[in-house]
Protein backbone atom coordinates (compact mmCIF):
# COMPACT_ATOMS: atom_id res chain seq x y z
CA MET A 1 50.84 56.63 112.97
CA ALA A 2 52.34 58.88 110.83
CA LYS A 3 54.42 57.94 107.53
CA THR A 4 58.45 58.07 108.00
CA ARG A 5 59.51 60.77 104.97
CA THR A 6 62.74 60.07 103.74
CA GLN A 7 65.34 62.54 101.95
CA PHE A 8 68.39 62.36 100.15
CA VAL A 9 71.51 64.32 100.79
CA CYS A 10 73.95 65.30 98.45
CA GLN A 11 77.60 64.36 99.85
CA SER A 12 78.76 67.31 97.27
CA CYS A 13 76.79 70.17 98.17
CA GLY A 14 74.25 69.27 100.71
CA SER A 15 71.34 69.60 98.86
CA SER A 16 68.58 67.78 100.19
CA PHE A 17 65.83 66.01 97.73
CA PRO A 18 63.15 63.75 98.28
CA GLN A 19 63.88 60.73 95.62
CA TRP A 20 66.60 59.80 94.68
CA SER A 21 68.51 60.70 91.27
CA GLY A 22 71.55 59.42 89.74
CA LYS A 23 72.64 63.31 88.78
CA CYS A 24 72.35 66.46 91.87
CA ASP A 25 70.46 69.49 90.25
CA SER A 26 72.04 71.64 92.67
CA CYS A 27 75.65 70.94 91.91
CA GLY A 28 75.49 68.41 88.91
CA GLU A 29 77.59 65.98 90.55
CA TRP A 30 76.58 62.06 89.90
CA ASN A 31 76.29 59.15 92.67
CA THR A 32 76.32 61.41 95.34
CA LEU A 33 72.90 61.33 96.67
CA VAL A 34 72.73 59.41 99.76
CA GLU A 35 69.70 58.58 102.43
CA ASP A 36 69.20 60.44 105.12
CA ASN A 37 67.54 59.16 108.66
CA PRO A 38 65.45 61.62 109.46
CA SER A 39 63.98 59.86 112.09
CA ALA A 40 66.85 61.33 114.56
CA GLY A 41 66.86 64.11 116.59
CA ILE A 42 64.98 66.90 118.16
CA GLY A 43 61.82 67.06 115.92
CA ALA A 44 61.89 63.82 114.53
CA ASN A 45 59.45 60.96 115.09
CA PRO A 46 57.15 61.18 117.67
CA GLY A 47 57.06 57.56 118.68
CA LYS A 48 60.94 58.02 119.28
CA GLN A 49 62.44 57.86 123.06
CA MET A 50 64.69 61.20 123.34
CA ARG A 51 67.52 60.38 126.30
CA LYS A 52 66.55 62.53 129.02
CA GLY A 53 69.35 65.45 129.23
CA GLN A 54 71.06 67.22 131.79
CA ALA A 55 70.36 70.70 133.23
CA VAL A 56 72.97 73.36 132.96
CA GLN A 57 73.56 76.28 134.43
CA LEU A 58 72.26 79.89 133.98
CA VAL A 59 74.28 83.29 134.15
CA SER A 60 72.92 86.44 134.13
CA LEU A 61 73.74 88.60 131.02
CA ALA A 62 74.62 91.27 132.81
CA GLY A 63 77.40 89.56 134.44
CA GLU A 64 81.45 90.79 133.69
CA THR A 65 83.00 90.14 130.71
CA GLU A 66 86.77 89.97 129.95
CA GLN A 67 88.50 90.69 127.00
CA ALA A 68 89.20 87.83 124.41
CA PRO A 69 92.57 86.93 124.71
CA ARG A 70 94.43 87.55 121.47
CA ILE A 71 98.22 86.01 119.85
CA ALA A 72 99.08 89.11 117.48
CA SER A 73 100.61 87.34 114.75
CA GLY A 74 103.48 90.39 114.08
CA ILE A 75 102.06 90.14 110.26
CA SER A 76 100.23 93.52 110.24
CA GLU A 77 97.92 92.69 107.08
CA LEU A 78 97.04 89.32 108.75
CA ASP A 79 96.15 90.80 112.22
CA ARG A 80 94.00 93.11 110.17
CA ALA A 81 91.66 90.72 108.91
CA THR A 82 91.38 88.93 111.84
CA GLY A 83 90.33 91.93 113.97
CA GLY A 84 93.70 91.85 116.08
CA GLY A 85 95.03 88.58 116.22
CA PHE A 86 94.24 84.98 117.07
CA VAL A 87 91.49 84.77 119.32
CA GLN A 88 92.22 81.70 121.94
CA GLY A 89 89.54 78.85 121.60
CA SER A 90 88.56 80.46 118.34
CA ALA A 91 88.13 78.68 115.28
CA ILE A 92 88.77 79.94 111.29
CA LEU A 93 87.71 78.95 108.05
CA LEU A 94 90.29 79.67 105.58
CA GLY A 95 89.27 79.63 101.80
CA GLY A 96 90.69 80.49 98.25
CA ASP A 97 91.37 79.05 94.65
CA PRO A 98 94.16 76.44 94.66
CA GLY A 99 97.83 77.37 94.39
CA ILE A 100 96.51 81.18 95.73
CA GLY A 101 99.17 81.15 98.55
CA LYS A 102 96.89 80.04 101.81
CA SER A 103 99.26 77.47 102.71
CA THR A 104 102.18 80.45 102.04
CA LEU A 105 100.58 82.90 104.28
CA LEU A 106 99.67 79.98 107.02
CA MET A 107 103.29 79.00 106.91
CA GLN A 108 104.54 82.39 107.56
CA ALA A 109 101.85 82.98 110.29
CA SER A 110 103.03 79.85 111.84
CA ALA A 111 106.91 80.82 111.79
CA ALA A 112 105.72 84.42 113.36
CA ILE A 113 103.87 83.35 116.24
CA ALA A 114 106.39 80.54 117.10
CA GLY A 115 108.85 83.05 117.29
CA GLN A 116 106.87 84.85 120.27
CA GLY A 117 107.09 81.50 122.23
CA HIS A 118 104.24 79.89 121.54
CA SER A 119 103.21 76.35 120.57
CA VAL A 120 102.57 75.99 116.93
CA ILE A 121 100.76 72.70 115.04
CA TYR A 122 100.84 72.25 111.29
CA VAL A 123 99.15 69.33 110.18
CA SER A 124 98.94 68.69 106.42
CA GLY A 125 96.23 66.19 104.81
CA GLU A 126 98.37 66.99 101.46
CA GLU A 127 101.86 67.49 101.96
CA ALA A 128 104.13 65.16 103.26
CA VAL A 129 106.55 66.49 106.54
CA ALA A 130 109.92 67.11 104.08
CA GLN A 131 107.37 69.24 101.53
CA ILE A 132 106.16 71.11 104.02
CA ARG A 133 110.16 71.38 104.93
CA MET A 134 110.79 72.86 102.04
CA ARG A 135 108.72 75.24 101.43
CA ALA A 136 109.19 76.62 104.83
CA LEU A 137 113.28 76.55 104.41
CA ARG A 138 112.62 78.89 100.99
CA LEU A 139 110.51 80.86 103.10
CA GLY A 140 112.87 81.32 105.58
CA ALA A 141 110.12 80.24 108.39
CA ILE A 142 112.30 77.57 110.41
CA GLU A 143 111.35 77.33 113.73
CA GLN A 144 111.86 74.86 116.25
CA ASN A 145 108.13 75.76 117.70
CA VAL A 146 106.20 74.50 115.02
CA GLY A 147 105.03 70.34 115.38
CA LEU A 148 104.54 69.38 111.59
CA ALA A 149 102.61 65.84 110.99
CA ALA A 150 101.02 64.67 107.80
CA GLU A 151 97.74 62.97 109.27
CA THR A 152 94.11 62.89 107.72
CA SER A 153 92.44 61.20 110.73
CA VAL A 154 90.44 62.64 112.89
CA GLU A 155 90.96 60.46 115.63
CA ASN A 156 94.80 59.99 115.26
CA ILE A 157 94.65 64.04 115.58
CA LEU A 158 93.35 64.97 118.53
CA ALA A 159 95.08 62.04 120.19
CA THR A 160 98.32 63.70 119.72
CA LEU A 161 97.12 66.72 120.63
CA GLU A 162 95.98 65.14 123.93
CA THR A 163 99.54 63.33 123.95
CA GLY A 164 100.86 67.06 125.32
CA LYS A 165 100.04 70.53 126.30
CA PRO A 166 97.55 71.90 123.99
CA PRO A 167 98.80 74.08 121.61
CA ALA A 168 98.27 77.87 120.69
CA LEU A 169 97.86 77.61 117.01
CA LEU A 170 96.42 74.68 115.23
CA ILE A 171 96.28 74.41 111.40
CA ILE A 172 94.73 71.90 109.23
CA ASP A 173 95.22 71.91 105.57
CA SER A 174 93.03 70.99 104.41
CA ILE A 175 89.18 70.60 106.48
CA GLN A 176 88.29 68.50 102.93
CA THR A 177 90.87 65.78 103.17
CA LEU A 178 90.33 64.65 106.95
CA TRP A 179 87.73 61.65 107.61
CA THR A 180 86.15 60.33 110.75
CA GLU A 181 85.22 56.91 111.80
CA GLN A 182 81.81 58.18 112.67
CA ALA A 183 80.56 58.27 109.28
CA ASP A 184 80.93 55.78 106.74
CA SER A 185 81.37 58.31 103.86
CA ALA A 186 84.53 58.89 101.67
CA PRO A 187 86.97 62.36 102.45
CA GLY A 188 85.37 65.40 101.41
CA THR A 189 81.92 65.01 101.46
CA VAL A 190 79.42 66.47 103.78
CA THR A 191 78.99 64.41 106.78
CA GLN A 192 82.92 63.51 106.65
CA VAL A 193 83.41 67.39 106.60
CA ARG A 194 81.25 68.39 109.41
CA ASN A 195 81.73 65.90 111.72
CA SER A 196 85.43 66.27 111.11
CA ALA A 197 85.04 70.33 111.47
CA GLN A 198 82.99 69.68 114.42
CA ALA A 199 85.16 67.47 116.34
CA LEU A 200 88.20 69.99 115.96
CA ILE A 201 86.01 73.17 117.27
CA ARG A 202 84.72 70.88 120.30
CA TYR A 203 88.40 70.68 120.75
CA ALA A 204 89.44 74.33 120.52
CA LYS A 205 86.36 75.53 122.78
CA ASN A 206 87.94 72.80 125.35
CA HIS A 207 91.61 73.44 125.68
CA GLY A 208 92.06 77.30 124.52
CA THR A 209 93.07 76.57 121.11
CA CYS A 210 93.30 78.42 117.56
CA VAL A 211 92.24 76.53 115.39
CA VAL A 212 92.32 77.51 111.15
CA LEU A 213 91.02 75.43 109.01
CA VAL A 214 91.38 75.69 105.28
CA GLY A 215 89.42 75.30 103.03
CA HIS A 216 88.98 74.04 99.01
CA VAL A 217 87.13 76.68 96.62
CA THR A 218 84.76 75.51 94.11
CA LYS A 219 84.04 77.02 90.51
CA GLU A 220 81.49 79.39 92.04
CA GLY A 221 83.70 80.61 94.50
CA GLN A 222 82.48 79.37 97.88
CA ILE A 223 84.35 77.08 100.35
CA ALA A 224 83.57 73.43 99.17
CA GLY A 225 81.40 71.11 101.67
CA PRO A 226 78.59 72.35 104.02
CA ARG A 227 77.61 75.67 104.34
CA VAL A 228 76.94 75.00 107.92
CA VAL A 229 80.86 74.74 108.47
CA GLU A 230 80.99 78.81 107.73
CA HIS A 231 78.24 78.65 110.74
CA MET A 232 80.06 76.89 113.10
CA VAL A 233 83.16 78.99 112.61
CA ASP A 234 83.84 82.06 114.28
CA ALA A 235 85.36 83.78 111.60
CA VAL A 236 85.46 82.99 107.68
CA LEU A 237 88.24 84.65 105.35
CA TYR A 238 88.32 84.40 101.81
CA PHE A 239 92.57 84.69 100.18
CA GLU A 240 91.42 86.13 96.97
CA GLY A 241 93.97 87.06 94.06
CA GLU A 242 94.10 87.04 89.97
CA GLY A 243 96.36 84.73 87.85
CA GLY A 244 97.85 87.95 86.23
CA HIS A 245 98.83 90.03 89.19
CA HIS A 246 101.32 89.54 91.96
CA TYR A 247 99.33 91.06 94.74
CA ARG A 248 96.86 88.84 96.80
CA ILE A 249 93.61 90.30 99.11
CA LEU A 250 92.46 88.42 102.64
CA ARG A 251 88.86 89.42 102.92
CA THR A 252 86.68 89.04 106.15
CA VAL A 253 83.28 88.18 105.50
CA LYS A 254 82.43 86.52 108.94
CA ASN A 255 84.18 87.65 112.30
CA ARG A 256 82.57 87.13 115.79
CA PHE A 257 85.88 89.14 117.27
CA GLY A 258 85.94 92.00 115.17
CA ALA A 259 84.41 94.18 111.71
CA THR A 260 83.73 91.96 109.01
CA ASP A 261 84.58 93.18 105.03
CA GLU A 262 88.26 93.79 106.61
CA ILE A 263 90.82 93.43 104.03
CA GLY A 264 94.56 92.77 104.04
CA VAL A 265 96.90 92.97 100.73
CA PHE A 266 100.11 90.81 100.18
CA GLU A 267 102.32 90.78 97.45
CA MET A 268 103.60 87.29 96.20
CA SER A 269 107.11 87.29 95.58
CA ASP A 270 109.96 84.15 95.28
CA LYS A 271 110.23 84.82 98.72
CA GLY A 272 106.54 84.48 100.00
CA LEU A 273 103.81 87.09 100.95
CA ARG A 274 104.82 90.52 101.32
CA GLU A 275 102.84 92.80 103.15
CA VAL A 276 101.54 95.80 101.37
CA SER A 277 100.84 98.75 103.61
CA ASN A 278 99.56 100.90 101.13
CA PRO A 279 97.37 99.32 98.79
CA SER A 280 96.04 102.58 97.22
CA GLU A 281 99.51 103.04 95.87
CA LEU A 282 99.81 99.43 94.32
CA PHE A 283 96.30 99.81 92.31
CA LEU A 284 96.96 103.63 91.17
CA GLY A 285 100.70 102.25 90.30
CA GLU A 286 100.59 102.28 86.65
CA ARG A 287 97.49 105.14 86.05
CA ASN A 288 97.13 107.01 83.15
CA GLU A 289 96.63 110.21 83.71
CA THR A 290 95.76 111.31 80.30
CA SER A 291 92.94 108.54 78.93
CA PRO A 292 89.67 109.04 78.62
CA GLY A 293 87.30 106.83 80.69
CA ALA A 294 89.13 106.60 83.72
CA ALA A 295 88.09 107.51 87.42
CA VAL A 296 89.40 107.18 90.73
CA PHE A 297 86.99 105.59 93.38
CA ALA A 298 88.07 106.43 96.42
CA GLY A 299 86.42 102.89 98.62
CA VAL A 300 86.37 101.75 101.99
CA GLU A 301 87.00 98.07 102.73
CA GLY A 302 86.10 97.50 106.52
CA THR A 303 87.85 100.40 108.73
CA ARG A 304 90.77 100.75 105.50
CA PRO A 305 90.51 103.23 102.55
CA VAL A 306 91.29 102.27 99.14
CA LEU A 307 91.85 104.06 95.92
CA VAL A 308 91.36 102.49 93.00
CA GLU A 309 91.28 103.59 89.22
CA ILE A 310 87.97 102.48 87.23
CA GLN A 311 88.87 101.76 83.60
CA ALA A 312 85.02 102.20 81.08
CA LEU A 313 85.47 102.02 77.35
CA VAL A 314 82.05 102.58 75.32
CA ALA A 315 82.28 102.24 71.52
CA PRO A 316 79.52 101.81 68.57
CA SER A 317 78.30 98.66 68.34
CA SER A 318 77.20 96.86 65.07
CA LEU A 319 75.69 93.69 66.75
CA GLY A 320 71.53 93.80 67.52
CA THR A 321 71.96 93.78 71.09
CA PRO A 322 75.45 95.59 72.33
CA ARG A 323 78.05 93.93 74.65
CA ARG A 324 77.98 94.73 78.48
CA ALA A 325 81.51 93.26 79.42
CA VAL A 326 82.07 94.10 83.34
CA ILE A 327 85.10 92.99 85.31
CA GLY A 328 85.66 92.97 89.45
CA TRP A 329 81.80 94.78 89.51
CA ASP A 330 78.25 94.02 89.90
CA SER A 331 76.83 93.48 85.78
CA SER A 332 73.40 94.32 87.28
CA ARG A 333 74.92 97.52 88.68
CA LEU A 334 76.34 98.63 85.60
CA SER A 335 72.59 97.93 83.76
CA MET A 336 71.11 100.25 86.71
CA VAL A 337 73.86 103.07 86.25
CA LEU A 338 73.21 102.72 82.72
CA ALA A 339 69.52 103.26 82.95
CA VAL A 340 69.92 106.09 84.76
CA LEU A 341 72.29 108.11 81.87
CA GLU A 342 69.99 107.40 79.79
CA ALA A 343 66.53 107.90 81.41
CA HIS A 344 67.60 111.40 83.31
CA CYS A 345 70.77 112.37 81.40
CA GLY A 346 70.09 111.71 78.31
CA VAL A 347 73.18 110.01 77.77
CA LYS A 348 72.48 107.39 75.03
CA LEU A 349 74.44 104.65 75.01
CA GLY A 350 71.77 101.64 73.93
CA ASN A 351 73.78 101.33 70.71
CA HIS A 352 76.94 101.41 72.08
CA ASP A 353 78.98 98.37 73.64
CA VAL A 354 79.93 99.08 77.26
CA TYR A 355 83.22 97.45 78.51
CA LEU A 356 84.15 98.08 82.52
CA ASN A 357 87.10 96.82 84.09
CA VAL A 358 88.32 97.71 87.91
CA ALA A 359 92.27 98.21 87.61
CA GLY A 360 94.63 95.31 88.90
CA GLY A 361 91.99 92.96 89.29
CA TYR A 362 90.35 94.52 92.27
CA ARG A 363 86.77 93.83 93.13
CA ILE A 364 84.49 96.12 94.26
CA VAL A 365 81.16 95.35 96.23
CA GLU A 366 79.95 98.85 97.70
CA PRO A 367 77.86 100.98 95.96
CA ALA A 368 79.49 103.68 96.55
CA ALA A 369 81.24 103.23 93.27
CA ASP A 370 77.94 104.03 91.37
CA LEU A 371 79.37 107.87 90.90
CA ALA A 372 82.63 106.95 89.62
CA VAL A 373 81.58 104.16 87.22
CA ALA A 374 78.58 106.92 85.82
CA ALA A 375 81.82 109.52 85.31
CA ALA A 376 83.96 106.91 83.75
CA LEU A 377 81.58 105.63 80.95
CA VAL A 378 80.30 109.71 80.09
CA SER A 379 84.02 109.97 79.82
CA SER A 380 84.91 108.23 77.58
CA LEU A 381 81.41 108.32 75.70
CA CYS A 382 82.72 112.21 75.23
CA GLY A 383 86.36 111.06 74.76
CA VAL A 384 87.81 113.79 77.44
CA ALA A 385 89.83 112.71 80.15
CA LEU A 386 88.67 113.43 84.20
CA PRO A 387 90.84 115.72 86.07
CA ALA A 388 94.16 113.59 87.09
CA ASP A 389 93.78 115.03 90.65
CA SER A 390 90.27 114.29 91.48
CA VAL A 391 88.40 111.27 93.11
CA HIS A 392 84.58 109.98 92.93
CA PHE A 393 82.21 108.28 95.59
CA GLY A 394 78.99 108.04 95.56
CA GLU A 395 75.65 106.06 95.49
CA ILE A 396 73.28 106.60 92.56
CA SER A 397 69.26 106.22 92.84
CA LEU A 398 66.83 105.25 90.58
CA SER A 399 65.69 108.72 90.65
CA GLY A 400 68.62 110.27 89.36
CA SER A 401 69.58 111.47 92.52
CA THR A 402 72.80 111.00 94.34
CA ARG A 403 72.59 109.18 98.14
CA PRO A 404 75.52 109.85 101.05
CA VAL A 405 77.78 106.95 101.59
CA ALA A 406 79.75 105.72 105.02
CA HIS A 407 82.87 107.29 105.81
CA ALA A 408 83.25 109.91 103.54
CA GLY A 409 86.08 111.48 106.14
CA LEU A 410 88.08 108.45 105.52
CA ARG A 411 88.24 108.58 101.95
CA LEU A 412 88.47 111.88 101.47
CA LYS A 413 91.97 111.63 103.76
CA GLU A 414 93.06 109.01 101.94
CA ALA A 415 92.79 110.87 98.98
CA GLY A 416 94.32 114.35 100.19
CA LYS A 417 97.10 112.13 101.75
CA LEU A 418 98.09 110.23 97.87
CA GLY A 419 98.23 113.92 96.39
CA PHE A 420 94.41 114.37 95.26
CA HIS A 421 93.00 117.98 95.11
CA ARG A 422 89.65 117.59 94.46
CA ALA A 423 86.84 114.92 95.19
CA TYR A 424 83.09 114.54 93.38
CA CYS A 425 80.84 112.94 96.01
CA SER A 426 77.36 112.74 97.06
CA THR A 427 76.58 114.97 100.51
CA ALA A 428 79.23 114.95 102.97
CA ARG A 429 79.37 116.51 106.48
CA ASP A 430 81.14 119.84 106.59
CA GLU A 431 83.72 118.78 109.92
CA GLU A 432 84.54 115.55 107.64
CA THR A 433 85.24 117.93 104.34
CA SER A 434 86.79 120.33 106.34
CA THR A 435 89.47 118.08 108.10
CA ALA A 436 90.01 116.59 104.59
CA GLY A 437 92.01 119.50 102.98
CA ILE A 438 90.54 118.64 99.62
CA ASP A 439 88.01 120.77 97.42
CA VAL A 440 84.72 118.70 97.74
CA THR A 441 82.12 119.30 95.05
CA CYS A 442 78.71 117.67 96.35
CA ILE A 443 77.05 115.92 93.17
CA ARG A 444 73.08 116.11 94.37
CA GLU A 445 72.08 115.08 90.86
CA LEU A 446 73.25 113.01 88.42
CA THR A 447 72.73 115.18 85.91
CA ASP A 448 75.21 118.24 87.12
CA LEU A 449 78.52 115.21 86.75
CA ALA A 450 77.01 114.71 83.09
CA ALA A 451 76.85 118.27 82.28
CA ARG A 452 80.40 119.08 84.25
CA ILE A 453 82.02 116.41 81.98
CA ALA A 454 80.34 117.88 78.74
CA SER A 455 81.57 121.02 79.84
CA MET A 456 85.09 119.66 79.61
CA LYS A 457 84.48 118.60 76.35
CA GLU A 458 83.55 122.26 75.38
CA LYS A 459 86.54 124.22 76.38
CA SER A 460 88.95 121.60 75.20
């Protein structure tokens, strides 16, 4: 007879271990390991009898497909991030730091959707009904079609929903506060979060209601609770923003009904969140055009082109190991660009401190920023300012050559619309450069860019 294998699962992060210990090695929490029963479900103990299932009807893959019905909120930045609106019968997970504005965004969306005649139910496990009304009054988001409830029991929430017509939108704020009688653990643990989310998602699929689950974010920037919740939902949105800046970015990292890596930009004010239709002007609003070490990067987030300034400071170091500080970009990517500059371009940065910052607290995730970073570094080292009417984008390979990036036409059109006249980029197609109305210089080798900036210093 096979020996039963026991495993212990952390109720804070979901990691499993073969034996119990007082502290979880993954998240560092104490007394969170609970014994899990592996002798249940498919693939468990062979001696355990399984309940006979019921056959389901199979349909052909080549059948007709209708477009998923959507409910547009009327908030264009939110609709852009969700792919055109809330899909009926879908589940969305919204994560963000505490106080970033998740509840404010959902309250404004609830009022906008309710104003179109749709029914909305807002369930809060963290605030009382009076507190929610006070915030809605401050935001000017008072609507009759929005039903409020302060409840944490999943069974009570589902029973309340069954008493009336299914709402078009159901908001749960937050999933970590809910608990169900099917699990014995405390609210916020892995088992409770997983079971609560599964029950609400099942209701959404059966009744055609769009369910929005709010999730807390850990210190590492991930949504707290098991990662399986992110696989269960149809879309995952992150609400981001720096404490010293007044704007917020709604970023899509998963969407089964739309494009990923889409962003929506908002500005926080005392009256709530205001849409920012042109984020490039926001990120470039306080740019110093005569300062060395500043390069404008033409990036793309999903289907939206965004222009942002990359700032670099290169200073001689008195330390044995020079500093490398990065804000808003990948530090490993910076190390690669520094190595390529030194190996192929003769730019000696080994004895210098390097500080790199993406202006406005914006975060860049695409490798197309390599060329703009290299231009900012060489500009700071030479002490010469780059042309104020120029943008840079392109990926750098380890051999020192540049590689083409996607959506070059969108980047060039956005730069031309904002008054830029020159672009230094990797290879681009002729039709993309001709329609942009901007002078494009193709940089095939990184040495060409370094030589251009060095010649600018000689001329000055």
